[in-house]
Amino acid sequence: MRALRHVAIALLAAASLQIAVAETDSTPAVGGMAPAFKLQDQTGKWNTLEEHRGKWVVLYFYPKDNTPGCTTQACDFRDNIFAFRRADAVILGVSVDDVASHKKFSADHSLPFPILADSTKSTAKAYGVLYKALGVMEVARRDTFLIDPSGRIAKHYKSVNPKGHSAMVLADLKALAAKPAADPAG
């Protein structure tokens, strides 16, 4: 039964099949403040959104460690890590898997950025990305939030295709970062 469950999750991720989920009131709006979180990464270190204030944050949610689509997406971000760093951006991956799973996933694919364990599912709920895969297991939908240096959501990518997503986010980040900041005095 357990093996069948893993196969079903892998097929779901590989085919990018997702149950249609209506936008919830908890999905933060573009332009609004990004919900705060405190989650452990693959090393057990606690991470918060606040500690990255002043930098761009790529907060990407994904369904399950070591599945084809999730691995493709993580490795795509890994391969562009230096370009994101030059853009003064940090990458944070989030799934509802636990720290031990993230430790293995990160080591297996040499991921140079934090993979955050949302085992209580509170962060996925706060971002409105929690859903039931195949109607059975709650996982995070494959969504990405680009958060500006002031902590506001600059862009939300819904139900993304993992292949090439990193390059799309990087291009949007560069375009958004190049725009002059709005003058608060009007």
C-alpha atoms as a PDB file:
ATOM      1  CA  MET A   1       0.000   0.000   0.000  1.00  0.00           C
ATOM      2  CA  ARG A   2       2.826   2.380   0.890  1.00  0.00           C
ATOM      3  CA  ALA A   3       4.590   1.701  -2.421  1.00  0.00           C
ATOM      4  CA  LEU A   4       1.350   2.311  -4.291  1.00  0.00           C
ATOM      5  CA  ARG A   5       0.943   5.627  -2.493  1.00  0.00           C
ATOM      6  CA  HIS A   6       4.475   6.700  -3.535  1.00  0.00           C
ATOM      7  CA  VAL A   7       3.815   5.688  -7.142  1.00  0.00           C
ATOM      8  CA  ALA A   8       0.584   7.693  -7.155  1.00  0.00           C
ATOM      9  CA  ILE A   9       2.367  10.756  -5.788  1.00  0.00           C
ATOM     10  CA  ALA A  10       5.194  10.371  -8.329  1.00  0.00           C
ATOM     11  CA  LEU A  11       2.704  10.102 -11.188  1.00  0.00           C
ATOM     12  CA  LEU A  12       0.866  13.135  -9.898  1.00  0.00           C
ATOM     13  CA  ALA A  13       4.042  15.181  -9.733  1.00  0.00           C
ATOM     14  CA  ALA A  14       5.429  13.912 -13.044  1.00  0.00           C
ATOM     15  CA  ALA A  15       2.274  14.663 -14.970  1.00  0.00           C
ATOM     16  CA  SER A  16       1.723  17.940 -13.096  1.00  0.00           C
ATOM     17  CA  LEU A  17      -1.830  16.797 -12.441  1.00  0.00           C
ATOM     18  CA  GLN A  18      -3.492  18.762  -9.735  1.00  0.00           C
ATOM     19  CA  ILE A  19      -7.013  18.923  -8.448  1.00  0.00           C
ATOM     20  CA  ALA A  20      -8.503  22.302  -9.213  1.00  0.00           C
ATOM     21  CA  VAL A  21      -8.453  24.327  -6.039  1.00  0.00           C
ATOM     22  CA  ALA A  22     -10.459  27.507  -5.706  1.00  0.00           C
ATOM     23  CA  GLU A  23      -8.537  30.554  -4.551  1.00  0.00           C
ATOM     24  CA  THR A  24      -9.062  30.850  -0.832  1.00  0.00           C
ATOM     25  CA  ASP A  25      -9.302  33.891   1.366  1.00  0.00           C
ATOM     26  CA  SER A  26      -5.987  32.826   2.889  1.00  0.00           C
ATOM     27  CA  THR A  27      -4.070  33.231  -0.384  1.00  0.00           C
ATOM     28  CA  PRO A  28      -2.129  36.459   0.078  1.00  0.00           C
ATOM     29  CA  ALA A  29      -2.655  39.066  -2.608  1.00  0.00           C
ATOM     30  CA  VAL A  30       0.074  40.460  -4.819  1.00  0.00           C
ATOM     31  CA  GLY A  31       1.079  43.761  -3.226  1.00  0.00           C
ATOM     32  CA  GLY A  32       0.142  42.546   0.256  1.00  0.00           C
ATOM     33  CA  MET A  33       2.497  41.505   3.020  1.00  0.00           C
ATOM     34  CA  ALA A  34       3.766  37.942   2.794  1.00  0.00           C
ATOM     35  CA  PRO A  35       2.679  35.783   5.738  1.00  0.00           C
ATOM     36  CA  ALA A  36       5.396  35.276   8.344  1.00  0.00           C
ATOM     37  CA  PHE A  37       6.695  31.793   9.075  1.00  0.00           C
ATOM     38  CA  LYS A  38       9.229  29.976  11.238  1.00  0.00           C
ATOM     39  CA  LEU A  39      10.292  26.607   9.786  1.00  0.00           C
ATOM     40  CA  GLN A  40      13.258  24.255  10.092  1.00  0.00           C
ATOM     41  CA  ASP A  41      15.425  23.521   7.085  1.00  0.00           C
ATOM     42  CA  GLN A  42      17.180  20.303   6.099  1.00  0.00           C
ATOM     43  CA  THR A  43      19.922  20.937   8.700  1.00  0.00           C
ATOM     44  CA  GLY A  44      17.472  21.580  11.543  1.00  0.00           C
ATOM     45  CA  LYS A  45      18.155  25.345  11.521  1.00  0.00           C
ATOM     46  CA  TRP A  46      15.112  27.571  12.063  1.00  0.00           C
ATOM     47  CA  ASN A  47      14.331  30.026   9.254  1.00  0.00           C
ATOM     48  CA  THR A  48      11.989  33.009   9.209  1.00  0.00           C
ATOM     49  CA  LEU A  49      10.867  35.314   6.448  1.00  0.00           C
ATOM     50  CA  GLU A  50      11.861  38.305   8.578  1.00  0.00           C
ATOM     51  CA  GLU A  51      15.552  37.318   8.579  1.00  0.00           C
ATOM     52  CA  HIS A  52      15.598  37.864   4.805  1.00  0.00           C
ATOM     53  CA  ARG A  53      14.123  41.386   4.936  1.00  0.00           C
ATOM     54  CA  GLY A  54      16.092  43.621   2.565  1.00  0.00           C
ATOM     55  CA  LYS A  55      16.524  40.842  -0.020  1.00  0.00           C
ATOM     56  CA  TRP A  56      14.297  39.361  -2.663  1.00  0.00           C
ATOM     57  CA  VAL A  57      12.886  35.993  -1.610  1.00  0.00           C
ATOM     58  CA  VAL A  58      11.825  33.215  -3.953  1.00  0.00           C
ATOM     59  CA  LEU A  59       9.485  31.122  -1.812  1.00  0.00           C
ATOM     60  CA  TYR A  60       8.542  28.053  -3.785  1.00  0.00           C
ATOM     61  CA  PHE A  61       6.155  25.360  -2.597  1.00  0.00           C
ATOM     62  CA  TYR A  62       6.251  21.841  -3.969  1.00  0.00           C
ATOM     63  CA  PRO A  63       4.337  18.611  -3.261  1.00  0.00           C
ATOM     64  CA  LYS A  64       6.866  15.923  -2.313  1.00  0.00           C
ATOM     65  CA  ASP A  65      10.610  15.307  -1.963  1.00  0.00           C
ATOM     66  CA  ASN A  66      12.295  13.008  -4.496  1.00  0.00           C
ATOM     67  CA  THR A  67       9.447  12.926  -6.999  1.00  0.00           C
ATOM     68  CA  PRO A  68      10.222  13.707 -10.652  1.00  0.00           C
ATOM     69  CA  GLY A  69       8.647  17.172 -10.958  1.00  0.00           C
ATOM     70  CA  CYS A  70       9.830  18.326  -7.547  1.00  0.00           C
ATOM     71  CA  THR A  71      13.371  17.154  -8.258  1.00  0.00           C
ATOM     72  CA  THR A  72      13.353  18.907 -11.645  1.00  0.00           C
ATOM     73  CA  GLN A  73      12.190  22.144 -10.029  1.00  0.00           C
ATOM     74  CA  ALA A  74      14.723  22.024  -7.172  1.00  0.00           C
ATOM     75  CA  CYS A  75      17.618  21.216  -9.512  1.00  0.00           C
ATOM     76  CA  ASP A  76      16.543  24.027 -11.846  1.00  0.00           C
ATOM     77  CA  PHE A  77      16.778  26.515  -8.960  1.00  0.00           C
ATOM     78  CA  ARG A  78      20.090  24.915  -7.894  1.00  0.00           C
ATOM     79  CA  ASP A  79      21.524  25.377 -11.377  1.00  0.00           C
ATOM     80  CA  ASN A  80      20.645  29.096 -11.337  1.00  0.00           C
ATOM     81  CA  ILE A  81      21.747  29.769  -7.743  1.00  0.00           C
ATOM     82  CA  PHE A  82      24.587  32.125  -8.673  1.00  0.00           C
ATOM     83  CA  ALA A  83      22.316  34.275 -10.863  1.00  0.00           C
ATOM     84  CA  PHE A  84      19.821  34.544  -7.989  1.00  0.00           C
ATOM     85  CA  ARG A  85      22.611  35.493  -5.589  1.00  0.00           C
ATOM     86  CA  ARG A  86      23.847  38.187  -7.986  1.00  0.00           C
ATOM     87  CA  ALA A  87      20.267  39.531  -7.986  1.00  0.00           C
ATOM     88  CA  ASP A  88      20.436  39.686  -4.150  1.00  0.00           C
ATOM     89  CA  ALA A  89      17.775  36.990  -3.845  1.00  0.00           C
ATOM     90  CA  VAL A  90      17.435  33.950  -1.634  1.00  0.00           C
ATOM     91  CA  ILE A  91      15.636  30.760  -2.595  1.00  0.00           C
ATOM     92  CA  LEU A  92      13.534  28.895  -0.044  1.00  0.00           C
ATOM     93  CA  GLY A  93      11.791  25.645  -0.954  1.00  0.00           C
ATOM     94  CA  VAL A  94       8.839  24.461   1.166  1.00  0.00           C
ATOM     95  CA  SER A  95       6.924  21.199   1.353  1.00  0.00           C
ATOM     96  CA  VAL A  96       5.013  19.397   4.077  1.00  0.00           C
ATOM     97  CA  ASP A  97       7.711  16.695   4.276  1.00  0.00           C
ATOM     98  CA  ASP A  98       9.758  16.498   7.481  1.00  0.00           C
ATOM     99  CA  VAL A  99      13.344  17.587   8.182  1.00  0.00           C
ATOM    100  CA  ALA A 100      14.749  14.054   7.684  1.00  0.00           C
ATOM    101  CA  SER A 101      13.149  13.780   4.241  1.00  0.00           C
ATOM    102  CA  HIS A 102      14.490  17.226   3.306  1.00  0.00           C
ATOM    103  CA  LYS A 103      17.971  16.297   4.514  1.00  0.00           C
ATOM    104  CA  LYS A 104      18.063  13.296   2.166  1.00  0.00           C
ATOM    105  CA  PHE A 105      16.472  15.229  -0.742  1.00  0.00           C
ATOM    106  CA  SER A 106      18.935  18.098  -0.339  1.00  0.00           C
ATOM    107  CA  ALA A 107      21.954  15.778  -0.082  1.00  0.00           C
ATOM    108  CA  ASP A 108      20.847  13.606  -3.021  1.00  0.00           C
ATOM    109  CA  HIS A 109      20.669  16.670  -5.300  1.00  0.00           C
ATOM    110  CA  SER A 110      23.295  19.004  -3.744  1.00  0.00           C
ATOM    111  CA  LEU A 111      20.761  21.730  -3.063  1.00  0.00           C
ATOM    112  CA  PRO A 112      22.576  24.914  -1.923  1.00  0.00           C
ATOM    113  CA  PHE A 113      19.541  26.614  -0.395  1.00  0.00           C
ATOM    114  CA  PRO A 114      17.188  25.931   2.513  1.00  0.00           C
ATOM    115  CA  ILE A 115      14.410  23.389   2.032  1.00  0.00           C
ATOM    116  CA  LEU A 116      11.860  24.136   4.749  1.00  0.00           C
ATOM    117  CA  ALA A 117       9.792  21.493   6.537  1.00  0.00           C
ATOM    118  CA  ASP A 118       6.175  22.570   6.969  1.00  0.00           C
ATOM    119  CA  SER A 119       5.073  19.347   8.670  1.00  0.00           C
ATOM    120  CA  THR A 120       2.254  21.166  10.531  1.00  0.00           C
ATOM    121  CA  LYS A 121       1.063  22.522   7.145  1.00  0.00           C
ATOM    122  CA  SER A 122       0.506  25.956   8.705  1.00  0.00           C
ATOM    123  CA  THR A 123       2.658  27.836   6.189  1.00  0.00           C
ATOM    124  CA  ALA A 124       1.072  26.077   3.198  1.00  0.00           C
ATOM    125  CA  LYS A 125      -2.334  27.023   4.635  1.00  0.00           C
ATOM    126  CA  ALA A 126      -1.258  30.646   5.222  1.00  0.00           C
ATOM    127  CA  TYR A 127      -0.186  30.898   1.587  1.00  0.00           C
ATOM    128  CA  GLY A 128      -3.332  29.139   0.347  1.00  0.00           C
ATOM    129  CA  VAL A 129      -1.469  26.302  -1.381  1.00  0.00           C
ATOM    130  CA  LEU A 130      -2.525  23.266   0.667  1.00  0.00           C
ATOM    131  CA  TYR A 131      -4.619  20.714  -1.233  1.00  0.00           C
ATOM    132  CA  LYS A 132      -5.396  17.002  -1.286  1.00  0.00           C
ATOM    133  CA  ALA A 133      -3.379  15.084  -3.879  1.00  0.00           C
ATOM    134  CA  LEU A 134      -5.571  12.477  -5.521  1.00  0.00           C
ATOM    135  CA  GLY A 135      -8.103  13.321  -2.816  1.00  0.00           C
ATOM    136  CA  VAL A 136      -5.997  11.401  -0.289  1.00  0.00           C
ATOM    137  CA  MET A 137      -2.998  13.223   1.133  1.00  0.00           C
ATOM    138  CA  GLU A 138      -2.553  16.921   1.911  1.00  0.00           C
ATOM    139  CA  VAL A 139       0.457  18.423   0.154  1.00  0.00           C
ATOM    140  CA  ALA A 140       1.544  21.853  -1.013  1.00  0.00           C
ATOM    141  CA  ARG A 141       0.514  22.873  -4.525  1.00  0.00           C
ATOM    142  CA  ARG A 142       3.413  23.810  -6.797  1.00  0.00           C
ATOM    143  CA  ASP A 143       3.187  27.596  -6.390  1.00  0.00           C
ATOM    144  CA  THR A 144       5.917  30.223  -6.109  1.00  0.00           C
ATOM    145  CA  PHE A 145       5.806  33.599  -4.413  1.00  0.00           C
ATOM    146  CA  LEU A 146       8.326  36.274  -5.310  1.00  0.00           C
ATOM    147  CA  ILE A 147       8.642  38.498  -2.248  1.00  0.00           C
ATOM    148  CA  ASP A 148      10.247  41.935  -2.478  1.00  0.00           C
ATOM    149  CA  PRO A 149      12.841  43.302  -0.020  1.00  0.00           C
ATOM    150  CA  SER A 150      10.124  45.011   2.059  1.00  0.00           C
ATOM    151  CA  GLY A 151       8.274  41.717   2.578  1.00  0.00           C
ATOM    152  CA  ARG A 152       5.471  42.292   0.056  1.00  0.00           C
ATOM    153  CA  ILE A 153       4.408  39.739  -2.528  1.00  0.00           C
ATOM    154  CA  ALA A 154       5.589  41.029  -5.901  1.00  0.00           C
ATOM    155  CA  LYS A 155       4.397  38.067  -7.965  1.00  0.00           C
ATOM    156  CA  HIS A 156       2.507  34.795  -7.462  1.00  0.00           C
ATOM    157  CA  TYR A 157       2.969  31.898  -9.849  1.00  0.00           C
ATOM    158  CA  LYS A 158       0.088  29.429  -9.563  1.00  0.00           C
ATOM    159  CA  SER A 159       0.405  25.704 -10.313  1.00  0.00           C
ATOM    160  CA  VAL A 160       3.702  26.106 -12.171  1.00  0.00           C
ATOM    161  CA  ASN A 161       5.421  23.801 -14.610  1.00  0.00           C
ATOM    162  CA  PRO A 162       8.671  22.810 -12.856  1.00  0.00           C
ATOM    163  CA  LYS A 163      10.766  22.736 -16.017  1.00  0.00           C
ATOM    164  CA  GLY A 164      12.170  26.170 -16.810  1.00  0.00           C
ATOM    165  CA  HIS A 165      10.336  27.836 -13.928  1.00  0.00           C
ATOM    166  CA  SER A 166      13.554  29.057 -12.325  1.00  0.00           C
ATOM    167  CA  ALA A 167      14.548  31.044 -15.434  1.00  0.00           C
ATOM    168  CA  MET A 168      11.079  32.615 -15.592  1.00  0.00           C
ATOM    169  CA  VAL A 169      11.263  33.695 -11.948  1.00  0.00           C
ATOM    170  CA  LEU A 170      14.785  35.055 -12.429  1.00  0.00           C
ATOM    171  CA  ALA A 171      13.717  37.123 -15.468  1.00  0.00           C
ATOM    172  CA  ASP A 172      10.730  38.542 -13.576  1.00  0.00           C
ATOM    173  CA  LEU A 173      12.903  39.270 -10.539  1.00  0.00           C
ATOM    174  CA  LYS A 174      15.382  41.209 -12.663  1.00  0.00           C
ATOM    175  CA  ALA A 175      12.579  43.193 -14.308  1.00  0.00           C
ATOM    176  CA  LEU A 176      10.908  43.990 -10.996  1.00  0.00           C
ATOM    177  CA  ALA A 177      14.186  44.905  -9.304  1.00  0.00           C
ATOM    178  CA  ALA A 178      15.028  47.278 -12.162  1.00  0.00           C
ATOM    179  CA  LYS A 179      11.828  49.286 -11.641  1.00  0.00           C
ATOM    180  CA  PRO A 180      12.281  52.396  -9.528  1.00  0.00           C
ATOM    181  CA  ALA A 181      10.623  52.194  -6.123  1.00  0.00           C
ATOM    182  CA  ALA A 182       7.397  54.134  -5.740  1.00  0.00           C
ATOM    183  CA  ASP A 183       7.852  57.470  -4.025  1.00  0.00           C
ATOM    184  CA  PRO A 184       5.940  57.299  -0.726  1.00  0.00           C
ATOM    185  CA  ALA A 185       5.620  61.101  -0.713  1.00  0.00           C
ATOM    186  CA  GLY A 186       3.587  60.873  -3.902  1.00  0.00           C
END
